PDB file of all heavy atoms in Angstrom:
ATOM      1  N   ARG A   1     230.945 336.989  22.400  1.00  0.00           N
ATOM      2  CA  ARG A   1     231.948 337.985  22.017  1.00  0.00           C
ATOM      3  C   ARG A   1     232.380 337.797  20.561  1.00  0.00           C
ATOM      4  O   ARG A   1     232.504 338.771  19.809  1.00  0.00           O
ATOM      5  CB  ARG A   1     233.155 337.894  22.952  1.00  0.00           C
ATOM      6  CG  ARG A   1     234.161 339.025  22.749  1.00  0.00           C
ATOM      7  CD  ARG A   1     235.232 339.015  23.821  1.00  0.00           C
ATOM      8  NE  ARG A   1     236.028 337.796  23.776  1.00  0.00           N
ATOM      9  CZ  ARG A   1     237.090 337.579  24.555  1.00  0.00           C
ATOM     10  NH1 ARG A   1     237.463 338.501  25.426  1.00  0.00           N
ATOM     11  NH2 ARG A   1     237.776 336.456  24.461  1.00  0.00           N
ATOM     12  N   ASP A   2     232.562 336.545  20.153  1.00  0.00           N
ATOM     13  CA  ASP A   2     232.954 336.271  18.764  1.00  0.00           C
ATOM     14  C   ASP A   2     231.841 336.662  17.790  1.00  0.00           C
ATOM     15  O   ASP A   2     232.106 337.237  16.723  1.00  0.00           O
ATOM     16  CB  ASP A   2     233.287 334.786  18.592  1.00  0.00           C
ATOM     17  CG  ASP A   2     234.548 334.378  19.349  1.00  0.00           C
ATOM     18  OD1 ASP A   2     235.354 335.273  19.704  1.00  0.00           O
ATOM     19  OD2 ASP A   2     234.718 333.168  19.608  1.00  0.00           O
ATOM     20  N   LEU A   3     230.594 336.339  18.147  1.00  0.00           N
ATOM     21  CA  LEU A   3     229.468 336.666  17.276  1.00  0.00           C
ATOM     22  C   LEU A   3     229.287 338.174  17.127  1.00  0.00           C
ATOM     23  O   LEU A   3     228.901 338.660  16.055  1.00  0.00           O
ATOM     24  CB  LEU A   3     228.178 336.047  17.833  1.00  0.00           C
ATOM     25  CG  LEU A   3     228.077 334.525  17.765  1.00  0.00           C
ATOM     26  CD1 LEU A   3     226.855 334.041  18.543  1.00  0.00           C
ATOM     27  CD2 LEU A   3     228.005 334.039  16.319  1.00  0.00           C
ATOM     28  N   GLN A   4     229.575 338.895  18.196  1.00  0.00           N
ATOM     29  CA  GLN A   4     229.448 340.355  18.116  1.00  0.00           C
ATOM     30  C   GLN A   4     230.370 340.924  17.053  1.00  0.00           C
ATOM     31  O   GLN A   4     229.976 341.786  16.265  1.00  0.00           O
ATOM     32  CB  GLN A   4     229.750 340.984  19.473  1.00  0.00           C
ATOM     33  CG  GLN A   4     229.573 342.505  19.463  1.00  0.00           C
ATOM     34  CD  GLN A   4     229.658 343.105  20.842  1.00  0.00           C
ATOM     35  OE1 GLN A   4     230.447 342.656  21.684  1.00  0.00           O
ATOM     36  NE2 GLN A   4     228.851 344.110  21.110  1.00  0.00           N
ATOM     37  N   HIS A   5     231.593 340.433  17.008  1.00  0.00           N
ATOM     38  CA  HIS A   5     232.548 340.902  16.004  1.00  0.00           C
ATOM     39  C   HIS A   5     232.155 340.430  14.600  1.00  0.00           C
ATOM     40  O   HIS A   5     232.266 341.186  13.628  1.00  0.00           O
ATOM     41  CB  HIS A   5     233.952 340.416  16.344  1.00  0.00           C
ATOM     42  CG  HIS A   5     234.498 341.006  17.609  1.00  0.00           C
ATOM     43  ND1 HIS A   5     234.547 342.361  17.845  1.00  0.00           N
ATOM     44  CD2 HIS A   5     235.012 340.424  18.727  1.00  0.00           C
ATOM     45  CE1 HIS A   5     235.075 342.588  19.033  1.00  0.00           C
ATOM     46  NE2 HIS A   5     235.362 341.429  19.592  1.00  0.00           N
ATOM     47  N   GLU A   6     231.684 339.202  14.509  1.00  0.00           N
ATOM     48  CA  GLU A   6     231.353 338.637  13.198  1.00  0.00           C
ATOM     49  C   GLU A   6     230.153 339.329  12.561  1.00  0.00           C
ATOM     50  O   GLU A   6     230.144 339.607  11.353  1.00  0.00           O
ATOM     51  CB  GLU A   6     231.070 337.142  13.336  1.00  0.00           C
ATOM     52  CG  GLU A   6     230.755 336.462  12.003  1.00  0.00           C
ATOM     53  CD  GLU A   6     230.521 334.966  12.161  1.00  0.00           C
ATOM     54  OE1 GLU A   6     230.719 334.431  13.286  1.00  0.00           O
ATOM     55  OE2 GLU A   6     230.142 334.328  11.162  1.00  0.00           O
ATOM     56  N   PHE A   7     229.124 339.601  13.375  1.00  0.00           N
ATOM     57  CA  PHE A   7     227.871 340.145  12.837  1.00  0.00           C
ATOM     58  C   PHE A   7     227.659 341.625  13.178  1.00  0.00           C
ATOM     59  O   PHE A   7     226.589 342.164  12.906  1.00  0.00           O
ATOM     60  CB  PHE A   7     226.688 339.325  13.362  1.00  0.00           C
ATOM     61  CG  PHE A   7     226.679 337.902  12.873  1.00  0.00           C
ATOM     62  CD1 PHE A   7     226.990 336.856  13.734  1.00  0.00           C
ATOM     63  CD2 PHE A   7     226.374 337.601  11.557  1.00  0.00           C
ATOM     64  CE1 PHE A   7     226.984 335.545  13.292  1.00  0.00           C
ATOM     65  CE2 PHE A   7     226.360 336.296  11.102  1.00  0.00           C
ATOM     66  CZ  PHE A   7     226.671 335.268  11.965  1.00  0.00           C
ATOM     67  N   HIS A   8     228.668 342.267  13.784  1.00  0.00           N
ATOM     68  CA  HIS A   8     228.586 343.695  14.127  1.00  0.00           C
ATOM     69  C   HIS A   8     227.356 343.982  15.000  1.00  0.00           C
ATOM     70  O   HIS A   8     226.577 344.909  14.732  1.00  0.00           O
ATOM     71  CB  HIS A   8     228.562 344.547  12.862  1.00  0.00           C
ATOM     72  CG  HIS A   8     229.680 344.234  11.909  1.00  0.00           C
ATOM     73  ND1 HIS A   8     230.998 344.562  12.180  1.00  0.00           N
ATOM     74  CD2 HIS A   8     229.680 343.592  10.709  1.00  0.00           C
ATOM     75  CE1 HIS A   8     231.756 344.146  11.180  1.00  0.00           C
ATOM     76  NE2 HIS A   8     230.989 343.556  10.280  1.00  0.00           N
ATOM     77  N   LEU A   9     227.198 343.185  16.042  1.00  0.00           N
ATOM     78  CA  LEU A   9     226.036 343.278  16.912  1.00  0.00           C
ATOM     79  C   LEU A   9     226.229 344.299  18.021  1.00  0.00           C
ATOM     80  O   LEU A   9     227.350 344.584  18.442  1.00  0.00           O
ATOM     81  CB  LEU A   9     225.751 341.909  17.542  1.00  0.00           C
ATOM     82  CG  LEU A   9     225.316 340.801  16.581  1.00  0.00           C
ATOM     83  CD1 LEU A   9     225.460 339.441  17.250  1.00  0.00           C
ATOM     84  CD2 LEU A   9     223.884 341.033  16.122  1.00  0.00           C
ATOM     85  N   THR A  10     225.114 344.809  18.497  1.00  0.00           N
ATOM     86  CA  THR A  10     225.065 345.634  19.696  1.00  0.00           C
ATOM     87  C   THR A  10     224.388 344.810  20.784  1.00  0.00           C
ATOM     88  O   THR A  10     223.403 344.123  20.510  1.00  0.00           O
ATOM     89  CB  THR A  10     224.268 346.923  19.433  1.00  0.00           C
ATOM     90  OG1 THR A  10     224.851 347.624  18.334  1.00  0.00           O
ATOM     91  CG2 THR A  10     224.236 347.817  20.657  1.00  0.00           C
ATOM     92  N   TYR A  11     224.927 344.874  22.025  1.00  0.00           N
ATOM     93  CA  TYR A  11     224.386 344.059  23.104  1.00  0.00           C
ATOM     94  C   TYR A  11     223.918 344.920  24.281  1.00  0.00           C
ATOM     95  O   TYR A  11     224.610 345.868  24.677  1.00  0.00           O
ATOM     96  CB  TYR A  11     225.453 343.109  23.671  1.00  0.00           C
ATOM     97  CG  TYR A  11     225.848 341.945  22.800  1.00  0.00           C
ATOM     98  CD1 TYR A  11     227.050 341.276  23.045  1.00  0.00           C
ATOM     99  CD2 TYR A  11     225.045 341.473  21.771  1.00  0.00           C
ATOM    100  CE1 TYR A  11     227.441 340.195  22.279  1.00  0.00           C
ATOM    101  CE2 TYR A  11     225.435 340.389  20.997  1.00  0.00           C
ATOM    102  CZ  TYR A  11     226.626 339.752  21.253  1.00  0.00           C
ATOM    103  OH  TYR A  11     227.010 338.672  20.493  1.00  0.00           O
ATOM    104  N   LEU A  12     222.754 344.544  24.843  1.00  0.00           N
ATOM    105  CA  LEU A  12     222.431 344.884  26.223  1.00  0.00           C
ATOM    106  C   LEU A  12     222.597 343.589  26.994  1.00  0.00           C
ATOM    107  O   LEU A  12     221.813 342.644  26.822  1.00  0.00           O
ATOM    108  CB  LEU A  12     221.002 345.415  26.357  1.00  0.00           C
ATOM    109  CG  LEU A  12     220.525 345.644  27.807  1.00  0.00           C
ATOM    110  CD1 LEU A  12     221.400 346.672  28.526  1.00  0.00           C
ATOM    111  CD2 LEU A  12     219.063 346.057  27.851  1.00  0.00           C
ATOM    112  N   PHE A  13     223.641 343.524  27.811  1.00  0.00           N
ATOM    113  CA  PHE A  13     224.001 342.296  28.518  1.00  0.00           C
ATOM    114  C   PHE A  13     223.649 342.465  29.992  1.00  0.00           C
ATOM    115  O   PHE A  13     224.248 343.283  30.696  1.00  0.00           O
ATOM    116  CB  PHE A  13     225.493 342.011  28.353  1.00  0.00           C
ATOM    117  CG  PHE A  13     225.951 340.754  29.034  1.00  0.00           C
ATOM    118  CD1 PHE A  13     225.598 339.516  28.533  1.00  0.00           C
ATOM    119  CD2 PHE A  13     226.737 340.813  30.172  1.00  0.00           C
ATOM    120  CE1 PHE A  13     226.024 338.346  29.158  1.00  0.00           C
ATOM    121  CE2 PHE A  13     227.173 339.650  30.804  1.00  0.00           C
ATOM    122  CZ  PHE A  13     226.814 338.415  30.292  1.00  0.00           C
ATOM    123  N   ILE A  14     222.679 341.689  30.451  1.00  0.00           N
ATOM    124  CA  ILE A  14     222.155 341.821  31.810  1.00  0.00           C
ATOM    125  C   ILE A  14     222.694 340.690  32.675  1.00  0.00           C
ATOM    126  O   ILE A  14     222.639 339.512  32.285  1.00  0.00           O
ATOM    127  CB  ILE A  14     220.618 341.801  31.790  1.00  0.00           C
ATOM    128  CG1 ILE A  14     220.099 343.028  31.048  1.00  0.00           C
ATOM    129  CG2 ILE A  14     220.047 341.737  33.199  1.00  0.00           C
ATOM    130  CD1 ILE A  14     218.616 342.986  30.761  1.00  0.00           C
ATOM    131  N   SER A  15     223.223 341.035  33.840  1.00  0.00           N
ATOM    132  CA  SER A  15     223.795 340.017  34.714  1.00  0.00           C
ATOM    133  C   SER A  15     223.847 340.543  36.151  1.00  0.00           C
ATOM    134  O   SER A  15     223.862 341.752  36.384  1.00  0.00           O
ATOM    135  CB  SER A  15     225.207 339.642  34.252  1.00  0.00           C
ATOM    136  OG  SER A  15     225.802 338.696  35.124  1.00  0.00           O
ATOM    137  N   HIS A  16     223.893 339.610  37.111  1.00  0.00           N
ATOM    138  CA  HIS A  16     224.122 339.986  38.508  1.00  0.00           C
ATOM    139  C   HIS A  16     225.610 339.951  38.840  1.00  0.00           C
ATOM    140  O   HIS A  16     226.009 340.334  39.938  1.00  0.00           O
ATOM    141  CB  HIS A  16     223.367 339.033  39.445  1.00  0.00           C
ATOM    142  CG  HIS A  16     223.815 337.606  39.316  1.00  0.00           C
ATOM    143  ND1 HIS A  16     223.291 336.733  38.385  1.00  0.00           N
ATOM    144  CD2 HIS A  16     224.763 336.906  39.988  1.00  0.00           C
ATOM    145  CE1 HIS A  16     223.884 335.556  38.498  1.00  0.00           C
ATOM    146  NE2 HIS A  16     224.790 335.629  39.460  1.00  0.00           N
ATOM    147  N   SER A  17     226.425 339.495  37.890  1.00  0.00           N
ATOM    148  CA  SER A  17     227.857 339.309  38.131  1.00  0.00           C
ATOM    149  C   SER A  17     228.674 340.432  37.495  1.00  0.00           C
ATOM    150  O   SER A  17     228.775 340.512  36.269  1.00  0.00           O
ATOM    151  CB  SER A  17     228.305 337.958  37.559  1.00  0.00           C
ATOM    152  OG  SER A  17     229.711 337.882  37.499  1.00  0.00           O
ATOM    153  N   MET A  18     229.275 341.263  38.308  1.00  0.00           N
ATOM    154  CA  MET A  18     230.104 342.352  37.787  1.00  0.00           C
ATOM    155  C   MET A  18     231.321 341.846  37.004  1.00  0.00           C
ATOM    156  O   MET A  18     231.613 342.368  35.916  1.00  0.00           O
ATOM    157  CB  MET A  18     230.548 343.278  38.921  1.00  0.00           C
ATOM    158  CG  MET A  18     231.463 344.395  38.485  1.00  0.00           C
ATOM    159  SD  MET A  18     230.680 345.554  37.335  1.00  0.00           S
ATOM    160  CE  MET A  18     229.970 346.717  38.501  1.00  0.00           C
ATOM    161  N   PRO A  19     232.061 340.838  37.491  1.00  0.00           N
ATOM    162  CA  PRO A  19     233.199 340.355  36.691  1.00  0.00           C
ATOM    163  C   PRO A  19     232.780 339.828  35.323  1.00  0.00           C
ATOM    164  O   PRO A  19     233.499 340.006  34.340  1.00  0.00           O
ATOM    165  CB  PRO A  19     233.792 339.239  37.570  1.00  0.00           C
ATOM    166  CG  PRO A  19     233.425 339.634  38.952  1.00  0.00           C
ATOM    167  CD  PRO A  19     232.044 340.222  38.830  1.00  0.00           C
ATOM    168  N   LEU A  20     231.626 339.178  35.245  1.00  0.00           N
ATOM    169  CA  LEU A  20     231.130 338.690  33.962  1.00  0.00           C
ATOM    170  C   LEU A  20     230.807 339.860  33.038  1.00  0.00           C
ATOM    171  O   LEU A  20     231.159 339.861  31.859  1.00  0.00           O
ATOM    172  CB  LEU A  20     229.886 337.834  34.189  1.00  0.00           C
ATOM    173  CG  LEU A  20     229.383 336.985  33.022  1.00  0.00           C
ATOM    174  CD1 LEU A  20     230.455 336.021  32.551  1.00  0.00           C
ATOM    175  CD2 LEU A  20     228.124 336.235  33.443  1.00  0.00           C
ATOM    176  N   VAL A  21     230.141 340.864  33.570  1.00  0.00           N
ATOM    177  CA  VAL A  21     229.816 342.072  32.796  1.00  0.00           C
ATOM    178  C   VAL A  21     231.097 342.766  32.350  1.00  0.00           C
ATOM    179  O   VAL A  21     231.220 343.220  31.206  1.00  0.00           O
ATOM    180  CB  VAL A  21     228.934 343.012  33.634  1.00  0.00           C
ATOM    181  CG1 VAL A  21     228.886 344.403  33.029  1.00  0.00           C
ATOM    182  CG2 VAL A  21     227.525 342.457  33.752  1.00  0.00           C
ATOM    183  N   ARG A  22     232.059 342.825  33.239  1.00  0.00           N
ATOM    184  CA  ARG A  22     233.331 343.484  32.916  1.00  0.00           C
ATOM    185  C   ARG A  22     234.036 342.791  31.750  1.00  0.00           C
ATOM    186  O   ARG A  22     234.639 343.444  30.894  1.00  0.00           O
ATOM    187  CB  ARG A  22     234.227 343.468  34.155  1.00  0.00           C
ATOM    188  CG  ARG A  22     235.599 344.060  33.949  1.00  0.00           C
ATOM    189  CD  ARG A  22     236.399 343.955  35.238  1.00  0.00           C
ATOM    190  NE  ARG A  22     237.733 344.523  35.091  1.00  0.00           N
ATOM    191  CZ  ARG A  22     238.637 344.568  36.069  1.00  0.00           C
ATOM    192  NH1 ARG A  22     238.339 344.065  37.255  1.00  0.00           N
ATOM    193  NH2 ARG A  22     239.823 345.095  35.868  1.00  0.00           N
ATOM    194  N   TYR A  23     233.939 341.476  31.701  1.00  0.00           N
ATOM    195  CA  TYR A  23     234.613 340.705  30.664  1.00  0.00           C
ATOM    196  C   TYR A  23     234.057 340.998  29.271  1.00  0.00           C
ATOM    197  O   TYR A  23     234.796 341.033  28.285  1.00  0.00           O
ATOM    198  CB  TYR A  23     234.463 339.213  30.990  1.00  0.00           C
ATOM    199  CG  TYR A  23     235.119 338.284  30.010  1.00  0.00           C
ATOM    200  CD1 TYR A  23     236.502 338.117  29.999  1.00  0.00           C
ATOM    201  CD2 TYR A  23     234.354 337.553  29.106  1.00  0.00           C
ATOM    202  CE1 TYR A  23     237.115 337.251  29.103  1.00  0.00           C
ATOM    203  CE2 TYR A  23     234.955 336.683  28.206  1.00  0.00           C
ATOM    204  CZ  TYR A  23     236.325 336.542  28.211  1.00  0.00           C
ATOM    205  OH  TYR A  23     236.922 335.676  27.323  1.00  0.00           O
ATOM    206  N   LEU A  24     232.738 341.210  29.186  1.00  0.00           N
ATOM    207  CA  LEU A  24     232.089 341.331  27.886  1.00  0.00           C
ATOM    208  C   LEU A  24     231.775 342.765  27.485  1.00  0.00           C
ATOM    209  O   LEU A  24     231.650 343.059  26.297  1.00  0.00           O
ATOM    210  CB  LEU A  24     230.790 340.509  27.886  1.00  0.00           C
ATOM    211  CG  LEU A  24     230.103 340.264  26.543  1.00  0.00           C
ATOM    212  CD1 LEU A  24     231.017 339.478  25.604  1.00  0.00           C
ATOM    213  CD2 LEU A  24     228.793 339.526  26.744  1.00  0.00           C
TER     214      LEU A  24
END
């Protein structure tokens, strides 16, 4: 999350965990 703000990144974040996905 910090790196996304620092480097203006776009993410495709893949997970089986909905709460984890919700957080990011």
